[in-house]
Amino acid sequence: MIGLEKYLPSARDTWTWQLAQLTDVPDIVAMAQSHFQSEMDQIVVADPALFGRNISIAVLTQMHDARQEQVLVARDKTDDRLVAWAWISRGSYTTYSRDEMAEARFVHCDLRLPLRSRITITAQVLQQWYLWCIIGGIPVLVSSSIRSEQSAFMRLHEQAGFSVRGSIGYIRITYDE
């Protein structure tokens, strides 16, 4: 396990985690648009239909082989609204190593949640990704951020044992635990 045990899911959490279903895709796309699209608008033109298509493919892949992709959703326990989602996939490599890497694609939290909840959710995602790598036999996990404010996100990676280089965190998966 990584160094974030104090954030493990507990009864005090107001959300529950589950594997995403195709019915979750519209909520995922809506959250990405409402909370995060503005950060990318100056760089690329977002295409919500394409994004939804790609998430749908990832969810379908997960349904047929959970070792290839993982898309998680966190929903509020009382009203079932989407409060966070995360996506990771395998099969990435650097040009100088044969070590497979799992590449974290997204972790989005509802920015209206209290900061403590957003930190807890993100820590839980990092733990899930690490465990997913162990189960899949993936030796390296890489996670990055393109957000303009990323310092807290990367500090959480450091607490988890990642080597942080700028806006990218790397961790070698250990199997001796």
C-alpha atoms as a PDB file:
ATOM      1  CA  MET A   1       0.000   0.000   0.000  1.00  0.00           C
ATOM      2  CA  ILE A   2       1.072   3.568  -0.518  1.00  0.00           C
ATOM      3  CA  GLY A   3       1.366   6.169   2.228  1.00  0.00           C
ATOM      4  CA  LEU A   4      -2.229   7.405   2.143  1.00  0.00           C
ATOM      5  CA  GLU A   5      -3.922   4.919   4.464  1.00  0.00           C
ATOM      6  CA  LYS A   6      -5.604   7.667   6.493  1.00  0.00           C
ATOM      7  CA  TYR A   7      -7.727   8.406   3.416  1.00  0.00           C
ATOM      8  CA  LEU A   8      -9.038   4.871   2.856  1.00  0.00           C
ATOM      9  CA  PRO A   9     -12.792   4.691   2.260  1.00  0.00           C
ATOM     10  CA  SER A  10     -14.764   4.830   5.490  1.00  0.00           C
ATOM     11  CA  ALA A  11     -18.296   5.223   6.802  1.00  0.00           C
ATOM     12  CA  ARG A  12     -17.731   8.991   7.153  1.00  0.00           C
ATOM     13  CA  ASP A  13     -17.402   9.372   3.368  1.00  0.00           C
ATOM     14  CA  THR A  14     -20.520  10.876   1.809  1.00  0.00           C
ATOM     15  CA  TRP A  15     -19.857   9.020  -1.464  1.00  0.00           C
ATOM     16  CA  THR A  16     -19.450   5.458  -2.683  1.00  0.00           C
ATOM     17  CA  TRP A  17     -17.151   4.166  -5.426  1.00  0.00           C
ATOM     18  CA  GLN A  18     -18.112   1.807  -8.216  1.00  0.00           C
ATOM     19  CA  LEU A  19     -16.971   0.838 -11.668  1.00  0.00           C
ATOM     20  CA  ALA A  20     -18.456   3.167 -14.262  1.00  0.00           C
ATOM     21  CA  GLN A  21     -21.289   2.010 -16.487  1.00  0.00           C
ATOM     22  CA  LEU A  22     -22.325   3.457 -19.832  1.00  0.00           C
ATOM     23  CA  THR A  23     -25.137   5.295 -18.036  1.00  0.00           C
ATOM     24  CA  ASP A  24     -22.446   7.283 -16.154  1.00  0.00           C
ATOM     25  CA  VAL A  25     -20.886   8.726 -19.320  1.00  0.00           C
ATOM     26  CA  PRO A  26     -23.204  11.744 -19.724  1.00  0.00           C
ATOM     27  CA  ASP A  27     -22.541  12.814 -16.117  1.00  0.00           C
ATOM     28  CA  ILE A  28     -18.782  12.376 -16.597  1.00  0.00           C
ATOM     29  CA  VAL A  29     -18.799  14.514 -19.739  1.00  0.00           C
ATOM     30  CA  ALA A  30     -20.955  17.162 -18.040  1.00  0.00           C
ATOM     31  CA  MET A  31     -18.587  17.353 -15.049  1.00  0.00           C
ATOM     32  CA  ALA A  32     -15.560  17.670 -17.298  1.00  0.00           C
ATOM     33  CA  GLN A  33     -17.239  20.444 -19.273  1.00  0.00           C
ATOM     34  CA  SER A  34     -18.560  22.431 -16.337  1.00  0.00           C
ATOM     35  CA  HIS A  35     -15.516  22.255 -14.085  1.00  0.00           C
ATOM     36  CA  PHE A  36     -12.450  21.746 -16.263  1.00  0.00           C
ATOM     37  CA  GLN A  37     -13.002  22.621 -19.927  1.00  0.00           C
ATOM     38  CA  SER A  38     -12.164  26.299 -19.413  1.00  0.00           C
ATOM     39  CA  GLU A  39      -8.589  25.357 -18.505  1.00  0.00           C
ATOM     40  CA  MET A  40      -8.094  23.771 -21.917  1.00  0.00           C
ATOM     41  CA  ASP A  41     -10.020  26.244 -24.067  1.00  0.00           C
ATOM     42  CA  GLN A  42      -6.929  28.372 -24.751  1.00  0.00           C
ATOM     43  CA  ILE A  43      -4.983  25.324 -25.931  1.00  0.00           C
ATOM     44  CA  VAL A  44      -7.324  22.877 -27.672  1.00  0.00           C
ATOM     45  CA  VAL A  45     -10.924  22.828 -28.818  1.00  0.00           C
ATOM     46  CA  ALA A  46     -12.780  20.324 -26.679  1.00  0.00           C
ATOM     47  CA  ASP A  47     -15.212  17.986 -28.404  1.00  0.00           C
ATOM     48  CA  PRO A  48     -17.683  16.624 -25.832  1.00  0.00           C
ATOM     49  CA  ALA A  49     -19.054  14.023 -28.261  1.00  0.00           C
ATOM     50  CA  LEU A  50     -15.564  12.657 -28.910  1.00  0.00           C
ATOM     51  CA  PHE A  51     -14.792  12.689 -25.194  1.00  0.00           C
ATOM     52  CA  GLY A  52     -18.003  10.785 -24.461  1.00  0.00           C
ATOM     53  CA  ARG A  53     -17.183   8.282 -27.199  1.00  0.00           C
ATOM     54  CA  ASN A  54     -13.714   7.656 -25.752  1.00  0.00           C
ATOM     55  CA  ILE A  55     -15.021   7.237 -22.212  1.00  0.00           C
ATOM     56  CA  SER A  56     -17.709   4.879 -23.510  1.00  0.00           C
ATOM     57  CA  ILE A  57     -15.053   2.772 -25.233  1.00  0.00           C
ATOM     58  CA  ALA A  58     -13.036   2.666 -22.015  1.00  0.00           C
ATOM     59  CA  VAL A  59     -16.106   1.576 -20.030  1.00  0.00           C
ATOM     60  CA  LEU A  60     -16.903  -1.144 -22.594  1.00  0.00           C
ATOM     61  CA  THR A  61     -13.297  -2.322 -22.523  1.00  0.00           C
ATOM     62  CA  GLN A  62     -13.432  -2.437 -18.722  1.00  0.00           C
ATOM     63  CA  MET A  63     -16.637  -4.489 -18.852  1.00  0.00           C
ATOM     64  CA  HIS A  64     -14.911  -7.116 -21.008  1.00  0.00           C
ATOM     65  CA  ASP A  65     -11.375  -6.991 -19.553  1.00  0.00           C
ATOM     66  CA  ALA A  66     -10.973  -5.022 -16.336  1.00  0.00           C
ATOM     67  CA  ARG A  67      -7.175  -5.328 -16.595  1.00  0.00           C
ATOM     68  CA  GLN A  68      -7.040  -2.988 -19.620  1.00  0.00           C
ATOM     69  CA  GLU A  69      -8.955   0.082 -18.447  1.00  0.00           C
ATOM     70  CA  GLN A  70     -10.488   1.250 -15.209  1.00  0.00           C
ATOM     71  CA  VAL A  71     -13.121   3.972 -15.024  1.00  0.00           C
ATOM     72  CA  LEU A  72     -14.450   4.648 -11.541  1.00  0.00           C
ATOM     73  CA  VAL A  73     -17.256   6.897 -10.399  1.00  0.00           C
ATOM     74  CA  ALA A  74     -17.998   8.249  -6.931  1.00  0.00           C
ATOM     75  CA  ARG A  75     -21.628   9.070  -6.315  1.00  0.00           C
ATOM     76  CA  ASP A  76     -23.190  10.865  -3.387  1.00  0.00           C
ATOM     77  CA  LYS A  77     -24.826   8.434  -0.960  1.00  0.00           C
ATOM     78  CA  THR A  78     -27.975  10.524  -0.563  1.00  0.00           C
ATOM     79  CA  ASP A  79     -28.828  11.900  -3.993  1.00  0.00           C
ATOM     80  CA  ASP A  80     -26.687   9.725  -6.320  1.00  0.00           C
ATOM     81  CA  ARG A  81     -25.114  12.738  -8.071  1.00  0.00           C
ATOM     82  CA  LEU A  82     -21.645  12.297  -9.523  1.00  0.00           C
ATOM     83  CA  VAL A  83     -19.040  13.787  -7.170  1.00  0.00           C
ATOM     84  CA  ALA A  84     -15.907  12.394  -8.831  1.00  0.00           C
ATOM     85  CA  TRP A  85     -14.622  10.067 -11.494  1.00  0.00           C
ATOM     86  CA  ALA A  86     -11.271   8.603 -12.484  1.00  0.00           C
ATOM     87  CA  TRP A  87      -9.819   6.836 -15.518  1.00  0.00           C
ATOM     88  CA  ILE A  88      -6.611   4.865 -15.917  1.00  0.00           C
ATOM     89  CA  SER A  89      -5.359   2.619 -18.691  1.00  0.00           C
ATOM     90  CA  ARG A  90      -2.404   0.401 -19.347  1.00  0.00           C
ATOM     91  CA  GLY A  91      -0.076  -0.100 -22.289  1.00  0.00           C
ATOM     92  CA  SER A  92       2.075   3.025 -22.217  1.00  0.00           C
ATOM     93  CA  TYR A  93       5.845   2.816 -22.651  1.00  0.00           C
ATOM     94  CA  THR A  94       8.714   5.254 -22.805  1.00  0.00           C
ATOM     95  CA  THR A  95      10.991   5.067 -25.820  1.00  0.00           C
ATOM     96  CA  TYR A  96      13.868   3.871 -23.622  1.00  0.00           C
ATOM     97  CA  SER A  97      12.359   1.116 -21.451  1.00  0.00           C
ATOM     98  CA  ARG A  98      10.419  -2.102 -21.834  1.00  0.00           C
ATOM     99  CA  ASP A  99       8.605  -1.445 -18.534  1.00  0.00           C
ATOM    100  CA  GLU A 100       4.894  -1.104 -19.128  1.00  0.00           C
ATOM    101  CA  MET A 101       3.242   1.873 -17.494  1.00  0.00           C
ATOM    102  CA  ALA A 102      -0.293   2.509 -16.380  1.00  0.00           C
ATOM    103  CA  GLU A 103      -1.227   6.014 -17.427  1.00  0.00           C
ATOM    104  CA  ALA A 104      -3.644   7.970 -15.297  1.00  0.00           C
ATOM    105  CA  ARG A 105      -5.930   9.775 -17.713  1.00  0.00           C
ATOM    106  CA  PHE A 106      -8.248  11.747 -15.443  1.00  0.00           C
ATOM    107  CA  VAL A 107      -9.336  12.320 -11.902  1.00  0.00           C
ATOM    108  CA  HIS A 108     -12.049  14.937 -11.600  1.00  0.00           C
ATOM    109  CA  CYS A 109     -13.832  16.003  -8.446  1.00  0.00           C
ATOM    110  CA  ASP A 110     -16.809  18.282  -8.183  1.00  0.00           C
ATOM    111  CA  LEU A 111     -15.101  21.561  -7.340  1.00  0.00           C
ATOM    112  CA  ARG A 112     -18.037  22.549  -5.126  1.00  0.00           C
ATOM    113  CA  LEU A 113     -17.055  19.839  -2.634  1.00  0.00           C
ATOM    114  CA  PRO A 114     -15.122  20.895   0.459  1.00  0.00           C
ATOM    115  CA  LEU A 115     -11.350  20.822  -0.013  1.00  0.00           C
ATOM    116  CA  ARG A 116     -10.989  18.006   2.527  1.00  0.00           C
ATOM    117  CA  SER A 117     -13.399  15.823   0.529  1.00  0.00           C
ATOM    118  CA  ARG A 118     -11.564  16.539  -2.734  1.00  0.00           C
ATOM    119  CA  ILE A 119      -8.224  15.594  -1.144  1.00  0.00           C
ATOM    120  CA  THR A 120      -9.709  12.401   0.315  1.00  0.00           C
ATOM    121  CA  ILE A 121     -11.267  11.433  -3.010  1.00  0.00           C
ATOM    122  CA  THR A 122      -8.017  12.046  -4.879  1.00  0.00           C
ATOM    123  CA  ALA A 123      -6.042  10.018  -2.332  1.00  0.00           C
ATOM    124  CA  GLN A 124      -8.553   7.176  -2.683  1.00  0.00           C
ATOM    125  CA  VAL A 125      -8.111   7.296  -6.462  1.00  0.00           C
ATOM    126  CA  LEU A 126      -4.312   7.086  -6.145  1.00  0.00           C
ATOM    127  CA  GLN A 127      -4.743   4.031  -3.917  1.00  0.00           C
ATOM    128  CA  GLN A 128      -7.164   2.422  -6.367  1.00  0.00           C
ATOM    129  CA  TRP A 129      -4.778   3.027  -9.254  1.00  0.00           C
ATOM    130  CA  TYR A 130      -1.879   1.520  -7.318  1.00  0.00           C
ATOM    131  CA  LEU A 131      -3.902  -1.587  -6.433  1.00  0.00           C
ATOM    132  CA  TRP A 132      -5.105  -1.882 -10.037  1.00  0.00           C
ATOM    133  CA  CYS A 133      -1.457  -1.923 -11.132  1.00  0.00           C
ATOM    134  CA  ILE A 134      -0.643  -4.654  -8.615  1.00  0.00           C
ATOM    135  CA  ILE A 135      -3.558  -6.794  -9.826  1.00  0.00           C
ATOM    136  CA  GLY A 136      -2.592  -6.230 -13.470  1.00  0.00           C
ATOM    137  CA  GLY A 137       1.135  -6.780 -12.959  1.00  0.00           C
ATOM    138  CA  ILE A 138       1.983  -3.310 -14.265  1.00  0.00           C
ATOM    139  CA  PRO A 139       5.407  -2.203 -12.966  1.00  0.00           C
ATOM    140  CA  VAL A 140       5.064   1.603 -13.241  1.00  0.00           C
ATOM    141  CA  LEU A 141       2.238   4.041 -12.580  1.00  0.00           C
ATOM    142  CA  VAL A 142       2.451   7.532 -14.041  1.00  0.00           C
ATOM    143  CA  SER A 143       0.109  10.378 -13.174  1.00  0.00           C
ATOM    144  CA  SER A 144       0.232  13.934 -14.428  1.00  0.00           C
ATOM    145  CA  SER A 145      -1.656  17.187 -14.274  1.00  0.00           C
ATOM    146  CA  ILE A 146      -2.318  19.842 -16.881  1.00  0.00           C
ATOM    147  CA  ARG A 147      -4.185  22.094 -14.466  1.00  0.00           C
ATOM    148  CA  SER A 148      -2.764  25.520 -13.772  1.00  0.00           C
ATOM    149  CA  GLU A 149      -3.031  24.904 -10.010  1.00  0.00           C
ATOM    150  CA  GLN A 150      -1.506  21.513  -9.354  1.00  0.00           C
ATOM    151  CA  SER A 151       0.739  21.880  -6.304  1.00  0.00           C
ATOM    152  CA  ALA A 152      -1.640  20.194  -3.827  1.00  0.00           C
ATOM    153  CA  PHE A 153      -2.289  17.375  -6.297  1.00  0.00           C
ATOM    154  CA  MET A 154       1.420  16.720  -6.772  1.00  0.00           C
ATOM    155  CA  ARG A 155       2.113  16.982  -2.993  1.00  0.00           C
ATOM    156  CA  LEU A 156      -0.438  14.207  -2.495  1.00  0.00           C
ATOM    157  CA  HIS A 157       1.547  12.136  -4.988  1.00  0.00           C
ATOM    158  CA  GLU A 158       4.727  12.771  -3.003  1.00  0.00           C
ATOM    159  CA  GLN A 159       2.965  11.648   0.199  1.00  0.00           C
ATOM    160  CA  ALA A 160       2.013   8.462  -1.647  1.00  0.00           C
ATOM    161  CA  GLY A 161       5.641   7.751  -2.555  1.00  0.00           C
ATOM    162  CA  PHE A 162       5.659   9.003  -6.148  1.00  0.00           C
ATOM    163  CA  SER A 163       8.759  10.627  -7.589  1.00  0.00           C
ATOM    164  CA  VAL A 164       7.432  13.960  -8.805  1.00  0.00           C
ATOM    165  CA  ARG A 165       9.125  15.637 -11.752  1.00  0.00           C
ATOM    166  CA  GLY A 166       7.345  18.887 -12.556  1.00  0.00           C
ATOM    167  CA  SER A 167       3.706  18.015 -13.198  1.00  0.00           C
ATOM    168  CA  ILE A 168       4.322  14.262 -13.558  1.00  0.00           C
ATOM    169  CA  GLY A 169       4.523  11.666 -10.796  1.00  0.00           C
ATOM    170  CA  TYR A 170       6.020   8.197 -11.230  1.00  0.00           C
ATOM    171  CA  ILE A 171       5.944   5.257  -8.868  1.00  0.00           C
ATOM    172  CA  ARG A 172       7.386   1.783  -9.232  1.00  0.00           C
ATOM    173  CA  ILE A 173       4.899  -0.832  -8.081  1.00  0.00           C
ATOM    174  CA  THR A 174       6.225  -3.117  -5.382  1.00  0.00           C
ATOM    175  CA  TYR A 175       4.859  -6.582  -4.765  1.00  0.00           C
ATOM    176  CA  ASP A 176       6.469  -7.385  -1.413  1.00  0.00           C
ATOM    177  CA  GLU A 177       3.643  -6.028   0.734  1.00  0.00           C
END
